[in-house]
């Protein structure tokens, strides 16, 4: 195989792996819906996905939200997510037991935002 073809194949392979890692939603168990009413202990409003932390069952959980642009376009600005705020989160836990949730929706100040 010529070097140029080999480098092209390697590049495509690496790009595909990066895309899979970023959108690896198969790591979450869609058959185990979690519905929690909780308080935000930390907020990271950044891309590629905003993220919050919560306490659940004596453990700290990471909650993966949506890209900030999507949340803002659906009515959830940065100012709405602050540490100490009570929210409702509905999403799926990781299959491997890591305390992390892929959120499908979040309710803040009585307003439910669809994240996917």
PDB file of N, CA and C in Angstrom:
ATOM      1  N   UNK A   1       0.861  -1.175   0.000  1.00  0.00           N
ATOM      2  CA  UNK A   1       0.000   0.000   0.000  1.00  0.00           C
ATOM      3  C   UNK A   1       0.905   1.234   0.000  1.00  0.00           C
ATOM      4  N   UNK A   2       0.671   2.184  -0.884  1.00  0.00           N
ATOM      5  CA  UNK A   2       1.487   3.401  -0.909  1.00  0.00           C
ATOM      6  C   UNK A   2       1.332   4.179   0.398  1.00  0.00           C
ATOM      7  N   UNK A   3       2.404   4.905   0.737  1.00  0.00           N
ATOM      8  CA  UNK A   3       2.435   5.661   1.990  1.00  0.00           C
ATOM      9  C   UNK A   3       1.271   6.646   2.092  1.00  0.00           C
ATOM     10  N   UNK A   4       0.945   7.323   0.992  1.00  0.00           N
ATOM     11  CA  UNK A   4      -0.147   8.296   1.008  1.00  0.00           C
ATOM     12  C   UNK A   4      -1.478   7.626   1.346  1.00  0.00           C
ATOM     13  N   UNK A   5      -1.729   6.462   0.780  1.00  0.00           N
ATOM     14  CA  UNK A   5      -2.969   5.729   1.069  1.00  0.00           C
ATOM     15  C   UNK A   5      -2.999   5.256   2.514  1.00  0.00           C
ATOM     16  N   UNK A   6      -1.855   4.798   3.005  1.00  0.00           N
ATOM     17  CA  UNK A   6      -1.763   4.330   4.381  1.00  0.00           C
ATOM     18  C   UNK A   6      -2.041   5.475   5.359  1.00  0.00           C
ATOM     19  N   UNK A   7      -1.446   6.639   5.102  1.00  0.00           N
ATOM     20  CA  UNK A   7      -1.687   7.803   5.957  1.00  0.00           C
ATOM     21  C   UNK A   7      -3.149   8.236   5.908  1.00  0.00           C
ATOM     22  N   UNK A   8      -3.769   8.185   4.747  1.00  0.00           N
ATOM     23  CA  UNK A   8      -5.187   8.540   4.610  1.00  0.00           C
ATOM     24  C   UNK A   8      -6.069   7.594   5.405  1.00  0.00           C
ATOM     25  N   UNK A   9      -5.790   6.306   5.306  1.00  0.00           N
ATOM     26  CA  UNK A   9      -6.580   5.317   6.040  1.00  0.00           C
ATOM     27  C   UNK A   9      -6.419   5.498   7.544  1.00  0.00           C
ATOM     28  N   UNK A  10      -5.181   5.769   7.973  1.00  0.00           N
ATOM     29  CA  UNK A  10      -4.928   5.986   9.395  1.00  0.00           C
ATOM     30  C   UNK A  10      -5.660   7.225   9.899  1.00  0.00           C
ATOM     31  N   UNK A  11      -5.638   8.296   9.117  1.00  0.00           N
ATOM     32  CA  UNK A  11      -6.328   9.534   9.495  1.00  0.00           C
ATOM     33  C   UNK A  11      -7.827   9.292   9.638  1.00  0.00           C
ATOM     34  N   UNK A  12      -8.428   8.615   8.670  1.00  0.00           N
ATOM     35  CA  UNK A  12      -9.862   8.316   8.743  1.00  0.00           C
ATOM     36  C   UNK A  12     -10.192   7.461   9.955  1.00  0.00           C
ATOM     37  N   UNK A  13      -9.333   6.514  10.244  1.00  0.00           N
ATOM     38  CA  UNK A  13      -9.544   5.653  11.405  1.00  0.00           C
ATOM     39  C   UNK A  13      -9.521   6.454  12.695  1.00  0.00           C
ATOM     40  N   UNK A  14      -8.549   7.345  12.832  1.00  0.00           N
ATOM     41  CA  UNK A  14      -8.453   8.164  14.041  1.00  0.00           C
ATOM     42  C   UNK A  14      -9.616   9.125  14.175  1.00  0.00           C
ATOM     43  N   UNK A  15     -10.042   9.726  13.069  1.00  0.00           N
ATOM     44  CA  UNK A  15     -11.191  10.637  13.114  1.00  0.00           C
ATOM     45  C   UNK A  15     -12.452   9.883  13.509  1.00  0.00           C
ATOM     46  N   UNK A  16     -12.627   8.699  12.993  1.00  0.00           N
ATOM     47  CA  UNK A  16     -13.788   7.888  13.350  1.00  0.00           C
ATOM     48  C   UNK A  16     -13.792   7.535  14.819  1.00  0.00           C
ATOM     49  N   UNK A  17     -12.614   7.224  15.366  1.00  0.00           N
ATOM     50  CA  UNK A  17     -12.517   6.894  16.794  1.00  0.00           C
ATOM     51  C   UNK A  17     -12.860   8.089  17.661  1.00  0.00           C
ATOM     52  N   UNK A  18     -12.393   9.280  17.258  1.00  0.00           N
ATOM     53  CA  UNK A  18     -12.696  10.491  18.026  1.00  0.00           C
ATOM     54  C   UNK A  18     -14.183  10.781  18.007  1.00  0.00           C
ATOM     55  N   UNK A  19     -14.818  10.624  16.853  1.00  0.00           N
ATOM     56  CA  UNK A  19     -16.265  10.859  16.758  1.00  0.00           C
ATOM     57  C   UNK A  19     -17.022   9.862  17.626  1.00  0.00           C
ATOM     58  N   UNK A  20     -16.616   8.611  17.638  1.00  0.00           N
ATOM     59  CA  UNK A  20     -17.278   7.590  18.452  1.00  0.00           C
ATOM     60  C   UNK A  20     -17.123   7.918  19.937  1.00  0.00           C
ATOM     61  N   UNK A  21     -15.924   8.349  20.335  1.00  0.00           N
ATOM     62  CA  UNK A  21     -15.700   8.665  21.749  1.00  0.00           C
ATOM     63  C   UNK A  21     -16.566   9.839  22.180  1.00  0.00           C
ATOM     64  N   UNK A  22     -16.702  10.848  21.319  1.00  0.00           N
ATOM     65  CA  UNK A  22     -17.495  12.017  21.680  1.00  0.00           C
ATOM     66  C   UNK A  22     -18.984  11.696  21.731  1.00  0.00           C
ATOM     67  N   UNK A  23     -19.468  10.897  20.804  1.00  0.00           N
ATOM     68  CA  UNK A  23     -20.893  10.578  20.756  1.00  0.00           C
ATOM     69  C   UNK A  23     -21.154   9.123  21.131  1.00  0.00           C
ATOM     70  N   UNK A  24     -20.413   8.609  22.080  1.00  0.00           N
ATOM     71  CA  UNK A  24     -20.556   7.223  22.488  1.00  0.00           C
ATOM     72  C   UNK A  24     -21.739   7.009  23.402  1.00  0.00           C
ATOM     73  N   UNK A  25     -22.941   7.371  22.939  1.00  0.00           N
ATOM     74  CA  UNK A  25     -24.125   7.257  23.784  1.00  0.00           C
ATOM     75  C   UNK A  25     -24.470   5.812  24.098  1.00  0.00           C
ATOM     76  N   UNK A  26     -23.871   4.849  23.410  1.00  0.00           N
ATOM     77  CA  UNK A  26     -24.149   3.445  23.717  1.00  0.00           C
ATOM     78  C   UNK A  26     -23.591   3.058  25.083  1.00  0.00           C
ATOM     79  N   UNK A  27     -22.755   3.897  25.674  1.00  0.00           N
ATOM     80  CA  UNK A  27     -22.222   3.636  27.007  1.00  0.00           C
ATOM     81  C   UNK A  27     -23.276   3.825  28.090  1.00  0.00           C
ATOM     82  N   UNK A  28     -24.431   4.380  27.719  1.00  0.00           N
ATOM     83  CA  UNK A  28     -25.499   4.656  28.678  1.00  0.00           C
ATOM     84  C   UNK A  28     -26.642   3.665  28.481  1.00  0.00           C
ATOM     85  N   UNK A  29     -27.305   3.296  29.577  1.00  0.00           N
ATOM     86  CA  UNK A  29     -28.358   2.285  29.554  1.00  0.00           C
ATOM     87  C   UNK A  29     -29.740   2.938  29.431  1.00  0.00           C
ATOM     88  N   UNK A  30     -30.251   3.014  28.201  1.00  0.00           N
ATOM     89  CA  UNK A  30     -31.548   3.649  27.932  1.00  0.00           C
ATOM     90  C   UNK A  30     -32.717   2.866  28.520  1.00  0.00           C
ATOM     91  N   UNK A  31     -32.463   1.653  29.005  1.00  0.00           N
ATOM     92  CA  UNK A  31     -33.523   0.872  29.647  1.00  0.00           C
ATOM     93  C   UNK A  31     -33.669   1.194  31.140  1.00  0.00           C
ATOM     94  N   UNK A  32     -32.769   1.998  31.665  1.00  0.00           N
ATOM     95  CA  UNK A  32     -32.794   2.364  33.088  1.00  0.00           C
ATOM     96  C   UNK A  32     -32.933   3.876  33.226  1.00  0.00           C
ATOM     97  N   UNK A  33     -34.136   4.358  33.080  1.00  0.00           N
ATOM     98  CA  UNK A  33     -34.387   5.793  33.173  1.00  0.00           C
ATOM     99  C   UNK A  33     -34.286   6.234  34.630  1.00  0.00           C
ATOM    100  N   UNK A  34     -33.494   7.265  34.865  1.00  0.00           N
ATOM    101  CA  UNK A  34     -33.376   7.845  36.199  1.00  0.00           C
ATOM    102  C   UNK A  34     -34.115   9.174  36.191  1.00  0.00           C
ATOM    103  N   UNK A  35     -34.978   9.384  37.177  1.00  0.00           N
ATOM    104  CA  UNK A  35     -35.695  10.647  37.352  1.00  0.00           C
ATOM    105  C   UNK A  35     -35.365  11.145  38.748  1.00  0.00           C
ATOM    106  N   UNK A  36     -34.622  12.242  38.803  1.00  0.00           N
ATOM    107  CA  UNK A  36     -34.138  12.752  40.079  1.00  0.00           C
ATOM    108  C   UNK A  36     -34.543  14.192  40.293  1.00  0.00           C
ATOM    109  N   UNK A  37     -34.935  14.503  41.506  1.00  0.00           N
ATOM    110  CA  UNK A  37     -35.100  15.892  41.918  1.00  0.00           C
ATOM    111  C   UNK A  37     -33.939  16.148  42.860  1.00  0.00           C
ATOM    112  N   UNK A  38     -33.084  17.088  42.502  1.00  0.00           N
ATOM    113  CA  UNK A  38     -31.819  17.226  43.202  1.00  0.00           C
ATOM    114  C   UNK A  38     -31.327  18.669  43.159  1.00  0.00           C
ATOM    115  N   UNK A  39     -30.219  18.901  43.828  1.00  0.00           N
ATOM    116  CA  UNK A  39     -29.594  20.216  43.868  1.00  0.00           C
ATOM    117  C   UNK A  39     -28.268  20.160  43.113  1.00  0.00           C
ATOM    118  N   UNK A  40     -27.988  21.180  42.334  1.00  0.00           N
ATOM    119  CA  UNK A  40     -26.727  21.243  41.602  1.00  0.00           C
ATOM    120  C   UNK A  40     -25.596  21.584  42.566  1.00  0.00           C
ATOM    121  N   UNK A  41     -24.546  20.766  42.566  1.00  0.00           N
ATOM    122  CA  UNK A  41     -23.395  21.033  43.425  1.00  0.00           C
ATOM    123  C   UNK A  41     -22.257  21.694  42.658  1.00  0.00           C
ATOM    124  N   UNK A  42     -22.300  21.611  41.339  1.00  0.00           N
ATOM    125  CA  UNK A  42     -21.296  22.252  40.486  1.00  0.00           C
ATOM    126  C   UNK A  42     -21.884  22.407  39.089  1.00  0.00           C
ATOM    127  N   UNK A  43     -21.512  23.471  38.403  1.00  0.00           N
ATOM    128  CA  UNK A  43     -21.996  23.728  37.044  1.00  0.00           C
ATOM    129  C   UNK A  43     -20.813  24.071  36.155  1.00  0.00           C
ATOM    130  N   UNK A  44     -20.730  23.400  35.018  1.00  0.00           N
ATOM    131  CA  UNK A  44     -19.718  23.697  34.003  1.00  0.00           C
ATOM    132  C   UNK A  44     -20.456  23.944  32.694  1.00  0.00           C
ATOM    133  N   UNK A  45     -20.671  25.198  32.384  1.00  0.00           N
ATOM    134  CA  UNK A  45     -21.427  25.594  31.192  1.00  0.00           C
ATOM    135  C   UNK A  45     -20.423  25.844  30.078  1.00  0.00           C
ATOM    136  N   UNK A  46     -20.086  24.770  29.373  1.00  0.00           N
ATOM    137  CA  UNK A  46     -19.059  24.841  28.327  1.00  0.00           C
ATOM    138  C   UNK A  46     -19.348  23.805  27.254  1.00  0.00           C
ATOM    139  N   UNK A  47     -18.648  23.912  26.152  1.00  0.00           N
ATOM    140  CA  UNK A  47     -18.776  22.942  25.067  1.00  0.00           C
ATOM    141  C   UNK A  47     -17.655  21.921  25.158  1.00  0.00           C
ATOM    142  N   UNK A  48     -17.819  20.705  24.651  1.00  0.00           N
ATOM    143  CA  UNK A  48     -18.862  20.337  23.704  1.00  0.00           C
ATOM    144  C   UNK A  48     -20.220  20.061  24.356  1.00  0.00           C
ATOM    145  N   UNK A  49     -20.247  19.774  25.669  1.00  0.00           N
ATOM    146  CA  UNK A  49     -21.509  19.567  26.377  1.00  0.00           C
ATOM    147  C   UNK A  49     -21.397  20.225  27.745  1.00  0.00           C
ATOM    148  N   UNK A  50     -22.436  20.932  28.136  1.00  0.00           N
ATOM    149  CA  UNK A  50     -22.473  21.458  29.500  1.00  0.00           C
ATOM    150  C   UNK A  50     -22.589  20.267  30.441  1.00  0.00           C
ATOM    151  N   UNK A  51     -22.181  20.481  31.676  1.00  0.00           N
ATOM    152  CA  UNK A  51     -22.151  19.398  32.636  1.00  0.00           C
ATOM    153  C   UNK A  51     -22.444  19.955  34.019  1.00  0.00           C
ATOM    154  N   UNK A  52     -23.171  19.197  34.815  1.00  0.00           N
ATOM    155  CA  UNK A  52     -23.408  19.568  36.201  1.00  0.00           C
ATOM    156  C   UNK A  52     -23.055  18.377  37.079  1.00  0.00           C
ATOM    157  N   UNK A  53     -22.871  18.652  38.349  1.00  0.00           N
ATOM    158  CA  UNK A  53     -22.635  17.586  39.321  1.00  0.00           C
ATOM    159  C   UNK A  53     -23.763  17.640  40.342  1.00  0.00           C
ATOM    160  N   UNK A  54     -24.138  16.445  40.811  1.00  0.00           N
ATOM    161  CA  UNK A  54     -25.185  16.304  41.813  1.00  0.00           C
ATOM    162  C   UNK A  54     -24.765  15.237  42.818  1.00  0.00           C
ATOM    163  N   UNK A  55     -25.449  15.196  43.938  1.00  0.00           N
ATOM    164  CA  UNK A  55     -25.279  14.117  44.910  1.00  0.00           C
ATOM    165  C   UNK A  55     -26.472  13.187  44.768  1.00  0.00           C
ATOM    166  N   UNK A  56     -26.197  11.872  44.684  1.00  0.00           N
ATOM    167  CA  UNK A  56     -27.266  10.871  44.580  1.00  0.00           C
ATOM    168  C   UNK A  56     -26.757   9.577  45.192  1.00  0.00           C
ATOM    169  N   UNK A  57     -27.519   9.011  46.103  1.00  0.00           N
ATOM    170  CA  UNK A  57     -27.180   7.758  46.773  1.00  0.00           C
ATOM    171  C   UNK A  57     -25.792   7.816  47.421  1.00  0.00           C
ATOM    172  N   UNK A  58     -25.471   8.951  48.029  1.00  0.00           N
ATOM    173  CA  UNK A  58     -24.211   9.092  48.729  1.00  0.00           C
ATOM    174  C   UNK A  58     -22.989   9.245  47.843  1.00  0.00           C
ATOM    175  N   UNK A  59     -23.203   9.459  46.554  1.00  0.00           N
ATOM    176  CA  UNK A  59     -22.085   9.616  45.619  1.00  0.00           C
ATOM    177  C   UNK A  59     -22.255  10.890  44.801  1.00  0.00           C
ATOM    178  N   UNK A  60     -21.146  11.416  44.321  1.00  0.00           N
ATOM    179  CA  UNK A  60     -21.192  12.550  43.409  1.00  0.00           C
ATOM    180  C   UNK A  60     -21.351  12.013  41.985  1.00  0.00           C
ATOM    181  N   UNK A  61     -22.329  12.543  41.269  1.00  0.00           N
ATOM    182  CA  UNK A  61     -22.617  12.105  39.901  1.00  0.00           C
ATOM    183  C   UNK A  61     -22.361  13.252  38.927  1.00  0.00           C
ATOM    184  N   UNK A  62     -21.772  12.927  37.790  1.00  0.00           N
ATOM    185  CA  UNK A  62     -21.656  13.866  36.679  1.00  0.00           C
ATOM    186  C   UNK A  62     -22.900  13.703  35.825  1.00  0.00           C
ATOM    187  N   UNK A  63     -23.469  14.816  35.401  1.00  0.00           N
ATOM    188  CA  UNK A  63     -24.636  14.790  34.519  1.00  0.00           C
ATOM    189  C   UNK A  63     -24.253  15.536  33.250  1.00  0.00           C
ATOM    190  N   UNK A  64     -24.273  14.809  32.129  1.00  0.00           N
ATOM    191  CA  UNK A  64     -23.908  15.380  30.842  1.00  0.00           C
ATOM    192  C   UNK A  64     -25.170  15.972  30.222  1.00  0.00           C
ATOM    193  N   UNK A  65     -25.128  17.255  29.941  1.00  0.00           N
ATOM    194  CA  UNK A  65     -26.275  17.952  29.359  1.00  0.00           C
ATOM    195  C   UNK A  65     -26.087  18.041  27.845  1.00  0.00           C
ATOM    196  N   UNK A  66     -26.516  19.107  27.229  1.00  0.00           N
ATOM    197  CA  UNK A  66     -26.417  19.308  25.784  1.00  0.00           C
ATOM    198  C   UNK A  66     -25.376  20.390  25.504  1.00  0.00           C
ATOM    199  N   UNK A  67     -25.042  20.580  24.229  1.00  0.00           N
ATOM    200  CA  UNK A  67     -24.180  21.723  23.897  1.00  0.00           C
ATOM    201  C   UNK A  67     -24.853  23.031  24.342  1.00  0.00           C
ATOM    202  N   UNK A  68     -24.060  23.991  24.760  1.00  0.00           N
ATOM    203  CA  UNK A  68     -24.607  25.235  25.294  1.00  0.00           C
ATOM    204  C   UNK A  68     -25.486  25.967  24.282  1.00  0.00           C
ATOM    205  N   UNK A  69     -25.105  25.960  23.041  1.00  0.00           N
ATOM    206  CA  UNK A  69     -25.899  26.644  22.006  1.00  0.00           C
ATOM    207  C   UNK A  69     -27.312  26.040  21.910  1.00  0.00           C
ATOM    208  N   UNK A  70     -27.405  24.718  21.985  1.00  0.00           N
ATOM    209  CA  UNK A  70     -28.717  24.056  21.940  1.00  0.00           C
ATOM    210  C   UNK A  70     -29.542  24.424  23.160  1.00  0.00           C
ATOM    211  N   UNK A  71     -28.920  24.427  24.330  1.00  0.00           N
ATOM    212  CA  UNK A  71     -29.674  24.756  25.545  1.00  0.00           C
ATOM    213  C   UNK A  71     -30.176  26.193  25.489  1.00  0.00           C
ATOM    214  N   UNK A  72     -29.334  27.099  25.048  1.00  0.00           N
ATOM    215  CA  UNK A  72     -29.749  28.504  24.941  1.00  0.00           C
ATOM    216  C   UNK A  72     -30.880  28.671  23.940  1.00  0.00           C
ATOM    217  N   UNK A  73     -30.811  27.980  22.800  1.00  0.00           N
ATOM    218  CA  UNK A  73     -31.866  28.111  21.792  1.00  0.00           C
ATOM    219  C   UNK A  73     -33.190  27.514  22.269  1.00  0.00           C
ATOM    220  N   UNK A  74     -33.126  26.625  23.252  1.00  0.00           N
ATOM    221  CA  UNK A  74     -34.339  26.015  23.794  1.00  0.00           C
ATOM    222  C   UNK A  74     -34.789  26.674  25.092  1.00  0.00           C
ATOM    223  N   UNK A  75     -34.125  27.765  25.460  1.00  0.00           N
ATOM    224  CA  UNK A  75     -34.585  28.542  26.611  1.00  0.00           C
ATOM    225  C   UNK A  75     -33.885  28.286  27.923  1.00  0.00           C
ATOM    226  N   UNK A  76     -32.686  27.721  27.884  1.00  0.00           N
ATOM    227  CA  UNK A  76     -31.941  27.472  29.122  1.00  0.00           C
ATOM    228  C   UNK A  76     -30.589  28.188  29.056  1.00  0.00           C
ATOM    229  N   UNK A  77     -30.569  29.468  29.447  1.00  0.00           N
ATOM    230  CA  UNK A  77     -29.314  30.218  29.409  1.00  0.00           C
ATOM    231  C   UNK A  77     -28.402  29.848  30.576  1.00  0.00           C
ATOM    232  N   UNK A  78     -27.176  30.248  30.473  1.00  0.00           N
ATOM    233  CA  UNK A  78     -26.159  29.985  31.501  1.00  0.00           C
ATOM    234  C   UNK A  78     -26.626  30.434  32.880  1.00  0.00           C
ATOM    235  N   UNK A  79     -27.289  31.581  32.941  1.00  0.00           N
ATOM    236  CA  UNK A  79     -27.715  32.154  34.219  1.00  0.00           C
ATOM    237  C   UNK A  79     -28.738  31.292  34.951  1.00  0.00           C
ATOM    238  N   UNK A  80     -29.412  30.387  34.253  1.00  0.00           N
ATOM    239  CA  UNK A  80     -30.438  29.542  34.867  1.00  0.00           C
ATOM    240  C   UNK A  80     -29.842  28.374  35.646  1.00  0.00           C
ATOM    241  N   UNK A  81     -28.605  28.014  35.334  1.00  0.00           N
ATOM    242  CA  UNK A  81     -27.953  26.889  36.008  1.00  0.00           C
ATOM    243  C   UNK A  81     -26.888  27.427  36.955  1.00  0.00           C
ATOM    244  N   UNK A  82     -27.211  27.384  38.245  1.00  0.00           N
ATOM    245  CA  UNK A  82     -26.251  27.862  39.235  1.00  0.00           C
ATOM    246  C   UNK A  82     -26.140  26.839  40.371  1.00  0.00           C
ATOM    247  N   UNK A  83     -24.986  26.819  40.977  1.00  0.00           N
ATOM    248  CA  UNK A  83     -24.748  25.938  42.117  1.00  0.00           C
ATOM    249  C   UNK A  83     -25.792  26.216  43.197  1.00  0.00           C
ATOM    250  N   UNK A  84     -26.376  25.129  43.734  1.00  0.00           N
ATOM    251  CA  UNK A  84     -27.368  25.265  44.792  1.00  0.00           C
ATOM    252  C   UNK A  84     -28.797  25.268  44.297  1.00  0.00           C
ATOM    253  N   UNK A  85     -28.994  25.371  42.982  1.00  0.00           N
ATOM    254  CA  UNK A  85     -30.350  25.403  42.431  1.00  0.00           C
ATOM    255  C   UNK A  85     -30.948  23.998  42.408  1.00  0.00           C
ATOM    256  N   UNK A  86     -32.238  23.915  42.749  1.00  0.00           N
ATOM    257  CA  UNK A  86     -32.964  22.652  42.699  1.00  0.00           C
ATOM    258  C   UNK A  86     -33.493  22.432  41.279  1.00  0.00           C
ATOM    259  N   UNK A  87     -33.262  21.232  40.753  1.00  0.00           N
ATOM    260  CA  UNK A  87     -33.679  20.884  39.395  1.00  0.00           C
ATOM    261  C   UNK A  87     -34.240  19.467  39.376  1.00  0.00           C
ATOM    262  N   UNK A  88     -34.919  19.135  38.296  1.00  0.00           N
ATOM    263  CA  UNK A  88     -35.327  17.759  38.022  1.00  0.00           C
ATOM    264  C   UNK A  88     -34.555  17.317  36.786  1.00  0.00           C
ATOM    265  N   UNK A  89     -33.971  16.134  36.865  1.00  0.00           N
ATOM    266  CA  UNK A  89     -33.180  15.597  35.761  1.00  0.00           C
ATOM    267  C   UNK A  89     -33.735  14.229  35.395  1.00  0.00           C
ATOM    268  N   UNK A  90     -33.883  13.992  34.101  1.00  0.00           N
ATOM    269  CA  UNK A  90     -34.290  12.686  33.612  1.00  0.00           C
ATOM    270  C   UNK A  90     -33.248  12.235  32.601  1.00  0.00           C
ATOM    271  N   UNK A  91     -32.696  11.046  32.815  1.00  0.00           N
ATOM    272  CA  UNK A  91     -31.666  10.571  31.902  1.00  0.00           C
ATOM    273  C   UNK A  91     -31.295   9.132  32.169  1.00  0.00           C
ATOM    274  N   UNK A  92     -30.171   8.738  31.590  1.00  0.00           N
ATOM    275  CA  UNK A  92     -29.731   7.349  31.619  1.00  0.00           C
ATOM    276  C   UNK A  92     -28.354   7.218  32.267  1.00  0.00           C
ATOM    277  N   UNK A  93     -28.173   6.238  33.150  1.00  0.00           N
ATOM    278  CA  UNK A  93     -26.863   6.029  33.785  1.00  0.00           C
ATOM    279  C   UNK A  93     -25.909   5.283  32.847  1.00  0.00           C
ATOM    280  N   UNK A  94     -24.624   5.397  33.140  1.00  0.00           N
ATOM    281  CA  UNK A  94     -23.626   4.629  32.381  1.00  0.00           C
ATOM    282  C   UNK A  94     -23.789   3.151  32.696  1.00  0.00           C
ATOM    283  N   UNK A  95     -23.556   2.342  31.699  1.00  0.00           N
ATOM    284  CA  UNK A  95     -23.669   0.881  31.852  1.00  0.00           C
ATOM    285  C   UNK A  95     -22.593   0.316  32.778  1.00  0.00           C
ATOM    286  N   UNK A  96     -21.411   0.939  32.812  1.00  0.00           N
ATOM    287  CA  UNK A  96     -20.283   0.374  33.558  1.00  0.00           C
ATOM    288  C   UNK A  96     -20.294   0.725  35.047  1.00  0.00           C
ATOM    289  N   UNK A  97     -21.335   1.420  35.519  1.00  0.00           N
ATOM    290  CA  UNK A  97     -21.430   1.745  36.938  1.00  0.00           C
ATOM    291  C   UNK A  97     -20.793   3.067  37.327  1.00  0.00           C
ATOM    292  N   UNK A  98     -20.122   3.723  36.389  1.00  0.00           N
ATOM    293  CA  UNK A  98     -19.564   5.047  36.656  1.00  0.00           C
ATOM    294  C   UNK A  98     -20.713   5.977  37.023  1.00  0.00           C
ATOM    295  N   UNK A  99     -20.583   6.784  38.070  1.00  0.00           N
ATOM    296  CA  UNK A  99     -21.685   7.669  38.466  1.00  0.00           C
ATOM    297  C   UNK A  99     -21.826   8.858  37.502  1.00  0.00           C
ATOM    298  N   UNK A 100     -22.422   8.571  36.371  1.00  0.00           N
ATOM    299  CA  UNK A 100     -22.603   9.579  35.321  1.00  0.00           C
ATOM    300  C   UNK A 100     -23.937   9.328  34.627  1.00  0.00           C
ATOM    301  N   UNK A 101     -24.619  10.417  34.293  1.00  0.00           N
ATOM    302  CA  UNK A 101     -25.932  10.348  33.656  1.00  0.00           C
ATOM    303  C   UNK A 101     -25.905  11.152  32.369  1.00  0.00           C
ATOM    304  N   UNK A 102     -26.458  10.593  31.316  1.00  0.00           N
ATOM    305  CA  UNK A 102     -26.705  11.330  30.071  1.00  0.00           C
ATOM    306  C   UNK A 102     -28.121  11.876  30.194  1.00  0.00           C
ATOM    307  N   UNK A 103     -28.237  13.178  30.382  1.00  0.00           N
ATOM    308  CA  UNK A 103     -29.555  13.779  30.611  1.00  0.00           C
ATOM    309  C   UNK A 103     -30.320  13.940  29.302  1.00  0.00           C
ATOM    310  N   UNK A 104     -31.585  13.557  29.321  1.00  0.00           N
ATOM    311  CA  UNK A 104     -32.492  13.746  28.185  1.00  0.00           C
ATOM    312  C   UNK A 104     -33.284  15.039  28.338  1.00  0.00           C
ATOM    313  N   UNK A 105     -33.583  15.366  29.599  1.00  0.00           N
ATOM    314  CA  UNK A 105     -34.316  16.609  29.861  1.00  0.00           C
ATOM    315  C   UNK A 105     -33.987  17.089  31.263  1.00  0.00           C
ATOM    316  N   UNK A 106     -34.138  18.390  31.426  1.00  0.00           N
ATOM    317  CA  UNK A 106     -33.899  19.003  32.730  1.00  0.00           C
ATOM    318  C   UNK A 106     -34.998  20.035  32.956  1.00  0.00           C
ATOM    319  N   UNK A 107     -35.504  20.073  34.182  1.00  0.00           N
ATOM    320  CA  UNK A 107     -36.524  21.049  34.542  1.00  0.00           C
ATOM    321  C   UNK A 107     -35.891  22.038  35.517  1.00  0.00           C
ATOM    322  N   UNK A 108     -35.910  23.302  35.118  1.00  0.00           N
ATOM    323  CA  UNK A 108     -35.320  24.380  35.906  1.00  0.00           C
ATOM    324  C   UNK A 108     -36.371  25.476  36.050  1.00  0.00           C
ATOM    325  N   UNK A 109     -36.631  25.903  37.278  1.00  0.00           N
ATOM    326  CA  UNK A 109     -37.619  26.960  37.530  1.00  0.00           C
ATOM    327  C   UNK A 109     -38.966  26.628  36.890  1.00  0.00           C
ATOM    328  N   UNK A 110     -39.361  25.349  36.946  1.00  0.00           N
ATOM    329  CA  UNK A 110     -40.651  24.919  36.423  1.00  0.00           C
ATOM    330  C   UNK A 110     -40.714  24.760  34.908  1.00  0.00           C
ATOM    331  N   UNK A 111     -39.614  24.998  34.207  1.00  0.00           N
ATOM    332  CA  UNK A 111     -39.582  24.887  32.750  1.00  0.00           C
ATOM    333  C   UNK A 111     -38.742  23.669  32.348  1.00  0.00           C
ATOM    334  N   UNK A 112     -39.354  22.761  31.568  1.00  0.00           N
ATOM    335  CA  UNK A 112     -38.645  21.560  31.123  1.00  0.00           C
ATOM    336  C   UNK A 112     -37.998  21.809  29.768  1.00  0.00           C
ATOM    337  N   UNK A 113     -36.707  21.487  29.684  1.00  0.00           N
ATOM    338  CA  UNK A 113     -35.930  21.663  28.470  1.00  0.00           C
ATOM    339  C   UNK A 113     -35.550  20.291  27.940  1.00  0.00           C
ATOM    340  N   UNK A 114     -35.921  20.002  26.701  1.00  0.00           N
ATOM    341  CA  UNK A 114     -35.508  18.772  26.017  1.00  0.00           C
ATOM    342  C   UNK A 114     -34.074  18.978  25.544  1.00  0.00           C
ATOM    343  N   UNK A 115     -33.175  18.080  25.905  1.00  0.00           N
ATOM    344  CA  UNK A 115     -31.759  18.256  25.616  1.00  0.00           C
ATOM    345  C   UNK A 115     -31.282  17.533  24.358  1.00  0.00           C
ATOM    346  N   UNK A 116     -31.987  16.547  23.887  1.00  0.00           N
ATOM    347  CA  UNK A 116     -31.544  15.786  22.693  1.00  0.00           C
ATOM    348  C   UNK A 116     -32.353  16.142  21.493  1.00  0.00           C
TER     349      UNK A 116
END
